[in-house]
C-alpha cells in the first residue's frame, strides 16, 4: 500500500491511529499473524524480505568483450527463491533483489543459470572496485528478495 493510500485510509478512519481503525487493525493483525503472512506494522501488512547471507567466488562471464562478473547463489537459496517467484519472474527469469557486498548496496536482478539451475548475481565494476575485488576472490554477499 502506498503512503498516499495509507493517508487516505487514515482520513476515512480505517487506518492506524486513534479511533475506530485502531481496534479493528489490532484484532485483524492477531488473526493474520497466526497465519504467518508477515508482520503487522501500524495496522498495515508488511512482508519482510527474504534475506540470504553467503560466501561465493567471483567468476567471469567471458561471452562478451567486457568483463562481466557474477557470484552463484547457494542451491538451497535458489530453490527457495524459485518457489517464491514461481510464475512472477520477469524477462529471462529475472528476480529483483537488493544486494550488499562490503559497504556497497545496490538494486539489481538475479538470473537463473542455464546449467545447474542456481541463480547468479551480477557484480558491477563499481562494486568490485570499491571492495578491491578480483575474479576468483571469495565474496561475502547479503541479498534481500522482496516478497
N, C-alpha and C. Protein backbone atom coordinates (compact mmCIF):
# COMPACT_ATOMS: atom_id res chain seq x y z
N UNK A 1 0.85 -1.16 0.00
CA UNK A 1 0.00 0.00 0.00
C UNK A 1 0.90 1.23 0.00
N UNK A 2 0.65 2.18 -0.85
CA UNK A 2 1.47 3.37 -0.94
C UNK A 2 1.17 4.30 0.22
N UNK A 3 2.07 5.26 0.45
CA UNK A 3 1.87 6.24 1.52
C UNK A 3 0.61 7.05 1.26
N UNK A 4 0.35 7.36 -0.01
CA UNK A 4 -0.85 8.11 -0.36
C UNK A 4 -2.10 7.31 0.03
N UNK A 5 -2.11 6.02 -0.26
CA UNK A 5 -3.26 5.17 0.10
C UNK A 5 -3.43 5.08 1.60
N UNK A 6 -2.29 4.99 2.33
CA UNK A 6 -2.37 4.94 3.79
C UNK A 6 -3.01 6.20 4.35
N UNK A 7 -2.56 7.35 3.84
CA UNK A 7 -3.12 8.62 4.32
C UNK A 7 -4.62 8.69 4.04
N UNK A 8 -5.04 8.25 2.87
CA UNK A 8 -6.46 8.26 2.52
C UNK A 8 -7.25 7.36 3.45
N UNK A 9 -6.72 6.16 3.74
CA UNK A 9 -7.40 5.22 4.63
C UNK A 9 -7.50 5.79 6.05
N UNK A 10 -6.45 6.46 6.52
CA UNK A 10 -6.50 7.05 7.86
C UNK A 10 -7.55 8.14 7.94
N UNK A 11 -7.67 8.96 6.88
CA UNK A 11 -8.68 10.01 6.88
C UNK A 11 -10.08 9.43 6.92
N UNK A 12 -10.26 8.24 6.37
CA UNK A 12 -11.56 7.58 6.37
C UNK A 12 -11.81 6.79 7.66
N UNK A 13 -10.82 6.78 8.58
CA UNK A 13 -10.99 6.08 9.83
C UNK A 13 -10.69 4.60 9.75
N UNK A 14 -10.03 4.15 8.68
CA UNK A 14 -9.76 2.73 8.51
C UNK A 14 -8.33 2.35 8.84
N UNK A 15 -7.47 3.31 8.98
CA UNK A 15 -6.05 3.01 9.17
C UNK A 15 -5.68 3.00 10.63
N UNK A 16 -4.39 3.07 10.90
CA UNK A 16 -3.90 3.05 12.26
C UNK A 16 -4.09 4.41 12.91
N UNK A 17 -3.90 4.47 14.19
CA UNK A 17 -4.02 5.73 14.92
C UNK A 17 -5.20 5.67 15.86
N UNK A 18 -5.69 6.81 16.25
CA UNK A 18 -6.80 6.87 17.19
C UNK A 18 -8.11 6.56 16.49
N UNK A 19 -9.04 6.08 17.28
CA UNK A 19 -10.38 5.90 16.74
C UNK A 19 -10.66 4.49 16.31
N UNK A 20 -11.69 4.36 15.49
CA UNK A 20 -12.23 3.07 15.11
C UNK A 20 -11.22 2.15 14.46
N UNK A 21 -10.38 2.65 13.60
CA UNK A 21 -9.47 1.80 12.85
C UNK A 21 -8.47 1.06 13.72
N UNK A 22 -8.11 1.62 14.86
CA UNK A 22 -7.08 1.03 15.69
C UNK A 22 -7.49 -0.33 16.24
N UNK A 23 -8.63 -0.43 16.89
CA UNK A 23 -9.06 -1.69 17.47
C UNK A 23 -9.24 -2.77 16.42
N UNK A 24 -9.79 -2.40 15.30
CA UNK A 24 -10.02 -3.36 14.23
C UNK A 24 -8.70 -3.89 13.68
N UNK A 25 -7.72 -3.02 13.50
CA UNK A 25 -6.43 -3.46 12.96
C UNK A 25 -5.74 -4.39 13.93
N UNK A 26 -5.82 -4.12 15.23
CA UNK A 26 -5.16 -4.97 16.20
C UNK A 26 -5.76 -6.37 16.19
N UNK A 27 -7.08 -6.47 16.18
CA UNK A 27 -7.68 -7.80 16.20
C UNK A 27 -7.42 -8.53 14.89
N UNK A 28 -7.48 -7.82 13.78
CA UNK A 28 -7.20 -8.44 12.49
C UNK A 28 -5.74 -8.88 12.44
N UNK A 29 -4.84 -8.07 13.00
CA UNK A 29 -3.42 -8.41 13.00
C UNK A 29 -3.14 -9.68 13.77
N UNK A 30 -3.80 -9.88 14.89
CA UNK A 30 -3.57 -11.08 15.69
C UNK A 30 -3.97 -12.31 14.89
N UNK A 31 -5.09 -12.24 14.18
CA UNK A 31 -5.51 -13.38 13.37
C UNK A 31 -4.54 -13.62 12.22
N UNK A 32 -4.11 -12.54 11.56
CA UNK A 32 -3.23 -12.68 10.40
C UNK A 32 -1.85 -13.16 10.80
N UNK A 33 -1.34 -12.69 11.96
CA UNK A 33 -0.02 -13.11 12.35
C UNK A 33 0.04 -14.60 12.64
N UNK A 34 -1.06 -15.18 13.10
CA UNK A 34 -1.09 -16.62 13.32
C UNK A 34 -0.90 -17.35 12.00
N UNK A 35 -1.35 -16.79 10.91
CA UNK A 35 -1.21 -17.43 9.60
C UNK A 35 0.21 -17.33 9.08
N UNK A 36 1.05 -16.47 9.67
CA UNK A 36 2.43 -16.35 9.23
C UNK A 36 2.58 -15.60 7.92
N UNK A 37 1.68 -14.66 7.64
CA UNK A 37 1.72 -13.98 6.35
C UNK A 37 2.53 -12.70 6.38
N UNK A 38 3.28 -12.45 7.45
CA UNK A 38 4.11 -11.26 7.51
C UNK A 38 3.83 -10.47 8.76
N UNK A 39 4.62 -9.45 9.01
CA UNK A 39 4.49 -8.64 10.21
C UNK A 39 3.40 -7.59 10.02
N UNK A 40 2.82 -7.18 11.13
CA UNK A 40 1.82 -6.12 11.08
C UNK A 40 2.42 -4.88 11.70
N UNK A 41 2.51 -3.81 10.95
CA UNK A 41 3.04 -2.54 11.46
C UNK A 41 2.02 -1.46 11.21
N UNK A 42 1.60 -0.80 12.28
CA UNK A 42 0.64 0.30 12.20
C UNK A 42 -0.63 -0.11 11.47
N UNK A 43 -1.04 -1.36 11.66
CA UNK A 43 -2.28 -1.82 11.05
C UNK A 43 -2.15 -2.15 9.57
N UNK A 44 -0.94 -2.17 9.05
CA UNK A 44 -0.73 -2.45 7.63
C UNK A 44 0.17 -3.68 7.53
N UNK A 45 -0.19 -4.61 6.66
CA UNK A 45 0.59 -5.83 6.46
C UNK A 45 1.91 -5.50 5.77
N UNK A 46 3.01 -5.91 6.37
CA UNK A 46 4.34 -5.69 5.81
C UNK A 46 5.01 -7.05 5.68
N UNK A 47 5.31 -7.44 4.47
CA UNK A 47 6.01 -8.71 4.26
C UNK A 47 7.50 -8.44 4.23
N UNK A 48 8.18 -8.97 5.22
CA UNK A 48 9.62 -8.78 5.30
C UNK A 48 10.29 -9.52 4.14
N UNK A 49 11.36 -8.95 3.61
CA UNK A 49 12.05 -9.63 2.51
C UNK A 49 12.75 -10.89 3.00
N UNK A 50 12.98 -11.83 2.10
CA UNK A 50 13.83 -12.97 2.41
C UNK A 50 15.27 -12.46 2.39
N UNK A 51 16.06 -12.83 3.37
CA UNK A 51 17.43 -12.36 3.47
C UNK A 51 18.37 -13.57 3.43
N UNK A 52 19.37 -13.48 2.58
CA UNK A 52 20.36 -14.54 2.44
C UNK A 52 21.74 -13.93 2.62
N UNK A 53 22.59 -14.58 3.39
CA UNK A 53 23.98 -14.18 3.52
C UNK A 53 24.83 -15.40 3.19
N UNK A 54 25.79 -15.22 2.32
CA UNK A 54 26.60 -16.35 1.88
C UNK A 54 27.94 -15.86 1.35
N UNK A 55 28.86 -16.79 1.18
CA UNK A 55 30.16 -16.51 0.57
C UNK A 55 30.25 -17.34 -0.70
N UNK A 56 30.79 -16.73 -1.75
CA UNK A 56 30.94 -17.42 -3.03
C UNK A 56 32.06 -16.77 -3.82
N UNK A 57 32.71 -17.53 -4.70
CA UNK A 57 33.77 -16.95 -5.52
C UNK A 57 33.21 -16.08 -6.65
N UNK A 58 33.94 -15.04 -6.97
CA UNK A 58 33.60 -14.15 -8.07
C UNK A 58 34.14 -14.77 -9.36
N UNK A 59 33.26 -14.98 -10.35
CA UNK A 59 33.69 -15.63 -11.59
C UNK A 59 33.32 -14.77 -12.80
N UNK A 60 34.09 -14.90 -13.89
CA UNK A 60 33.84 -14.08 -15.08
C UNK A 60 32.89 -14.76 -16.05
N UNK A 61 32.19 -13.94 -16.79
CA UNK A 61 31.41 -14.44 -17.92
C UNK A 61 32.15 -13.94 -19.14
N UNK A 62 32.67 -14.82 -19.91
CA UNK A 62 33.57 -14.43 -20.98
C UNK A 62 32.93 -14.46 -22.36
N UNK A 63 31.63 -14.39 -22.43
CA UNK A 63 30.95 -14.40 -23.72
C UNK A 63 30.93 -13.02 -24.37
N UNK A 64 31.36 -12.03 -23.65
CA UNK A 64 31.38 -10.65 -24.18
C UNK A 64 32.78 -10.09 -24.09
N UNK A 65 33.01 -9.00 -24.78
CA UNK A 65 34.31 -8.35 -24.71
C UNK A 65 34.54 -7.71 -23.34
N UNK A 66 33.47 -7.12 -22.79
CA UNK A 66 33.58 -6.52 -21.46
C UNK A 66 33.69 -7.63 -20.42
N UNK A 67 34.29 -7.30 -19.29
CA UNK A 67 34.37 -8.27 -18.21
C UNK A 67 33.11 -8.16 -17.36
N UNK A 68 32.28 -9.18 -17.41
CA UNK A 68 31.10 -9.28 -16.57
C UNK A 68 31.44 -10.30 -15.49
N UNK A 69 31.14 -9.97 -14.23
CA UNK A 69 31.44 -10.90 -13.16
C UNK A 69 30.16 -11.23 -12.38
N UNK A 70 30.16 -12.43 -11.81
CA UNK A 70 28.99 -12.94 -11.11
C UNK A 70 29.42 -13.73 -9.88
N UNK A 71 28.48 -13.91 -8.96
CA UNK A 71 28.60 -14.93 -7.92
C UNK A 71 27.37 -15.81 -8.04
N UNK A 72 27.53 -17.08 -7.72
CA UNK A 72 26.43 -18.04 -7.80
C UNK A 72 25.81 -18.19 -6.41
N UNK A 73 24.49 -18.07 -6.34
CA UNK A 73 23.79 -18.25 -5.08
C UNK A 73 23.82 -19.72 -4.67
N UNK A 74 23.77 -19.99 -3.37
CA UNK A 74 23.69 -21.38 -2.91
C UNK A 74 22.42 -22.05 -3.46
N UNK A 75 22.51 -23.35 -3.66
CA UNK A 75 21.41 -24.09 -4.26
C UNK A 75 20.13 -24.00 -3.44
N UNK A 76 20.23 -24.10 -2.10
CA UNK A 76 19.02 -24.04 -1.27
C UNK A 76 18.34 -22.68 -1.36
N UNK A 77 19.13 -21.61 -1.40
CA UNK A 77 18.56 -20.26 -1.56
C UNK A 77 17.89 -20.13 -2.93
N UNK A 78 18.55 -20.66 -3.96
CA UNK A 78 17.98 -20.59 -5.32
C UNK A 78 16.66 -21.35 -5.40
N UNK A 79 16.60 -22.50 -4.76
CA UNK A 79 15.36 -23.29 -4.77
C UNK A 79 14.23 -22.52 -4.08
N UNK A 80 14.54 -21.90 -2.94
CA UNK A 80 13.52 -21.15 -2.20
C UNK A 80 13.03 -19.93 -2.99
N UNK A 81 13.95 -19.23 -3.62
CA UNK A 81 13.59 -18.05 -4.42
C UNK A 81 12.75 -18.48 -5.62
N UNK A 82 13.14 -19.57 -6.28
CA UNK A 82 12.38 -20.06 -7.43
C UNK A 82 10.96 -20.42 -7.03
N UNK A 83 10.80 -21.06 -5.87
CA UNK A 83 9.46 -21.43 -5.40
C UNK A 83 8.64 -20.18 -5.05
N UNK A 84 9.28 -19.19 -4.47
CA UNK A 84 8.59 -17.95 -4.09
C UNK A 84 8.12 -17.17 -5.30
N UNK A 85 8.94 -17.15 -6.35
CA UNK A 85 8.65 -16.31 -7.51
C UNK A 85 8.05 -17.09 -8.67
N UNK A 86 7.66 -18.32 -8.44
CA UNK A 86 7.12 -19.17 -9.50
C UNK A 86 6.02 -18.44 -10.26
N UNK A 87 6.25 -18.22 -11.53
CA UNK A 87 5.27 -17.56 -12.38
C UNK A 87 5.30 -16.05 -12.37
N UNK A 88 6.05 -15.45 -11.42
CA UNK A 88 6.06 -13.98 -11.36
C UNK A 88 7.42 -13.39 -11.73
N UNK A 89 8.34 -14.22 -12.18
CA UNK A 89 9.66 -13.72 -12.57
C UNK A 89 9.53 -12.87 -13.83
N UNK A 90 10.46 -11.96 -13.99
CA UNK A 90 10.47 -11.06 -15.14
C UNK A 90 11.18 -11.73 -16.31
N UNK A 91 11.50 -10.95 -17.34
CA UNK A 91 12.17 -11.47 -18.51
C UNK A 91 13.45 -12.22 -18.17
N UNK A 92 13.73 -13.29 -18.86
CA UNK A 92 14.89 -14.16 -18.64
C UNK A 92 14.84 -14.82 -17.26
N UNK A 93 13.70 -14.81 -16.59
CA UNK A 93 13.58 -15.40 -15.25
C UNK A 93 14.15 -14.51 -14.16
N UNK A 94 14.37 -13.22 -14.47
CA UNK A 94 14.99 -12.29 -13.53
C UNK A 94 14.11 -12.06 -12.31
N UNK A 95 14.76 -11.90 -11.16
CA UNK A 95 14.09 -11.59 -9.90
C UNK A 95 14.79 -10.37 -9.31
N UNK A 96 14.01 -9.34 -8.99
CA UNK A 96 14.59 -8.12 -8.41
C UNK A 96 15.07 -8.38 -6.99
N UNK A 97 16.23 -7.83 -6.66
CA UNK A 97 16.83 -8.00 -5.34
C UNK A 97 17.56 -6.73 -4.94
N UNK A 98 17.92 -6.65 -3.66
CA UNK A 98 18.86 -5.64 -3.19
C UNK A 98 20.06 -6.41 -2.67
N UNK A 99 21.23 -6.07 -3.15
CA UNK A 99 22.46 -6.79 -2.80
C UNK A 99 23.39 -5.87 -2.04
N UNK A 100 24.25 -6.51 -1.20
CA UNK A 100 25.29 -5.76 -0.49
C UNK A 100 26.55 -6.60 -0.45
N UNK A 101 27.63 -5.99 -0.86
CA UNK A 101 28.97 -6.56 -0.71
C UNK A 101 29.81 -5.49 -0.04
N UNK A 102 30.37 -5.82 1.11
CA UNK A 102 31.09 -4.81 1.89
C UNK A 102 30.11 -3.74 2.32
N UNK A 103 30.46 -2.49 2.07
CA UNK A 103 29.58 -1.38 2.40
C UNK A 103 28.75 -0.91 1.21
N UNK A 104 28.93 -1.54 0.06
CA UNK A 104 28.23 -1.13 -1.16
C UNK A 104 26.92 -1.89 -1.27
N UNK A 105 25.84 -1.13 -1.41
CA UNK A 105 24.49 -1.69 -1.53
C UNK A 105 23.90 -1.20 -2.85
N UNK A 106 23.27 -2.10 -3.61
CA UNK A 106 22.67 -1.69 -4.88
C UNK A 106 21.49 -2.59 -5.20
N UNK A 107 20.62 -2.06 -6.07
CA UNK A 107 19.47 -2.83 -6.54
C UNK A 107 19.78 -3.39 -7.91
N UNK A 108 19.43 -4.66 -8.10
CA UNK A 108 19.72 -5.34 -9.36
C UNK A 108 18.74 -6.49 -9.51
N UNK A 109 19.04 -7.39 -10.37
CA UNK A 109 18.25 -8.62 -10.54
C UNK A 109 19.19 -9.80 -10.51
N UNK A 110 18.67 -10.94 -10.06
CA UNK A 110 19.40 -12.20 -10.18
C UNK A 110 18.76 -12.98 -11.31
N UNK A 111 19.54 -13.87 -11.92
CA UNK A 111 19.09 -14.61 -13.10
C UNK A 111 19.36 -16.09 -12.90
N UNK A 112 18.45 -16.95 -13.37
CA UNK A 112 18.73 -18.39 -13.27
C UNK A 112 19.81 -18.79 -14.28
N UNK A 113 20.71 -19.65 -13.82
CA UNK A 113 21.75 -20.17 -14.72
C UNK A 113 21.14 -21.24 -15.58
N UNK A 114 21.60 -21.33 -16.80
CA UNK A 114 21.09 -22.37 -17.70
C UNK A 114 21.62 -23.74 -17.28
N UNK A 115 22.81 -23.76 -16.70
CA UNK A 115 23.38 -25.03 -16.24
C UNK A 115 23.29 -25.09 -14.73
N UNK A 116 22.59 -26.03 -14.21
CA UNK A 116 22.55 -26.22 -12.77
C UNK A 116 21.35 -25.60 -12.08
N UNK A 117 20.73 -24.60 -12.68
CA UNK A 117 19.51 -24.03 -12.12
C UNK A 117 19.68 -23.03 -11.00
N UNK A 118 20.87 -22.84 -10.44
CA UNK A 118 21.06 -21.83 -9.40
C UNK A 118 20.99 -20.44 -10.00
N UNK A 119 20.62 -19.47 -9.17
CA UNK A 119 20.62 -18.08 -9.62
C UNK A 119 22.03 -17.51 -9.55
N UNK A 120 22.30 -16.51 -10.39
CA UNK A 120 23.57 -15.80 -10.35
C UNK A 120 23.30 -14.32 -10.14
N UNK A 121 24.21 -13.69 -9.41
CA UNK A 121 24.13 -12.26 -9.10
C UNK A 121 25.23 -11.54 -9.86
N UNK A 122 24.88 -10.61 -10.75
CA UNK A 122 25.91 -9.82 -11.43
C UNK A 122 26.54 -8.83 -10.44
N UNK A 123 27.86 -8.72 -10.49
CA UNK A 123 28.58 -7.80 -9.60
C UNK A 123 29.22 -6.73 -10.47
N UNK A 124 28.73 -5.50 -10.31
CA UNK A 124 29.17 -4.39 -11.15
C UNK A 124 30.64 -4.03 -10.91
N UNK A 125 31.22 -3.41 -11.91
CA UNK A 125 32.61 -2.96 -11.82
C UNK A 125 32.80 -2.01 -10.64
N UNK A 126 31.86 -1.11 -10.41
CA UNK A 126 31.99 -0.15 -9.31
C UNK A 126 32.00 -0.85 -7.95
N UNK A 127 31.24 -1.94 -7.82
CA UNK A 127 31.23 -2.71 -6.57
C UNK A 127 32.56 -3.43 -6.39
N UNK A 128 33.07 -4.01 -7.48
CA UNK A 128 34.38 -4.67 -7.41
C UNK A 128 35.47 -3.68 -7.04
N UNK A 129 35.45 -2.51 -7.64
CA UNK A 129 36.48 -1.50 -7.37
C UNK A 129 36.39 -1.01 -5.92
N UNK A 130 35.19 -0.75 -5.43
CA UNK A 130 35.02 -0.25 -4.06
C UNK A 130 35.48 -1.26 -3.02
N UNK A 131 35.41 -2.55 -3.35
CA UNK A 131 35.80 -3.60 -2.42
C UNK A 131 37.13 -4.25 -2.78
N UNK A 132 37.82 -3.71 -3.80
CA UNK A 132 39.11 -4.22 -4.25
C UNK A 132 39.03 -5.71 -4.54
N UNK A 133 38.06 -6.09 -5.37
CA UNK A 133 37.82 -7.49 -5.70
C UNK A 133 38.35 -7.84 -7.08
N UNK A 134 38.86 -9.05 -7.19
CA UNK A 134 39.33 -9.60 -8.46
C UNK A 134 38.60 -10.90 -8.73
N UNK A 135 38.57 -11.32 -9.98
CA UNK A 135 37.99 -12.62 -10.33
C UNK A 135 38.67 -13.70 -9.50
N UNK A 136 37.87 -14.59 -8.94
CA UNK A 136 38.39 -15.68 -8.11
C UNK A 136 38.34 -15.39 -6.62
N UNK A 137 38.19 -14.11 -6.23
CA UNK A 137 38.10 -13.77 -4.81
C UNK A 137 36.81 -14.32 -4.20
N UNK A 138 36.89 -14.74 -2.96
CA UNK A 138 35.72 -15.19 -2.20
C UNK A 138 35.01 -13.93 -1.69
N UNK A 139 33.71 -13.82 -1.96
CA UNK A 139 32.95 -12.61 -1.68
C UNK A 139 31.85 -12.91 -0.66
N UNK A 140 31.71 -12.05 0.34
CA UNK A 140 30.59 -12.14 1.29
C UNK A 140 29.44 -11.31 0.75
N UNK A 141 28.28 -11.93 0.59
CA UNK A 141 27.12 -11.28 -0.04
C UNK A 141 25.94 -11.30 0.91
N UNK A 142 25.23 -10.20 0.97
CA UNK A 142 23.92 -10.14 1.64
C UNK A 142 22.91 -9.81 0.54
N UNK A 143 21.87 -10.62 0.46
CA UNK A 143 20.88 -10.49 -0.61
C UNK A 143 19.50 -10.42 0.01
N UNK A 144 18.71 -9.42 -0.37
CA UNK A 144 17.33 -9.30 0.09
C UNK A 144 16.40 -9.45 -1.10
N UNK A 145 15.45 -10.38 -0.97
CA UNK A 145 14.48 -10.64 -2.03
C UNK A 145 13.11 -10.21 -1.51
N UNK A 146 12.51 -9.16 -2.08
CA UNK A 146 11.19 -8.75 -1.60
C UNK A 146 10.14 -9.82 -1.86
N UNK A 147 9.16 -9.89 -0.97
CA UNK A 147 8.07 -10.87 -1.16
C UNK A 147 6.93 -10.25 -1.92
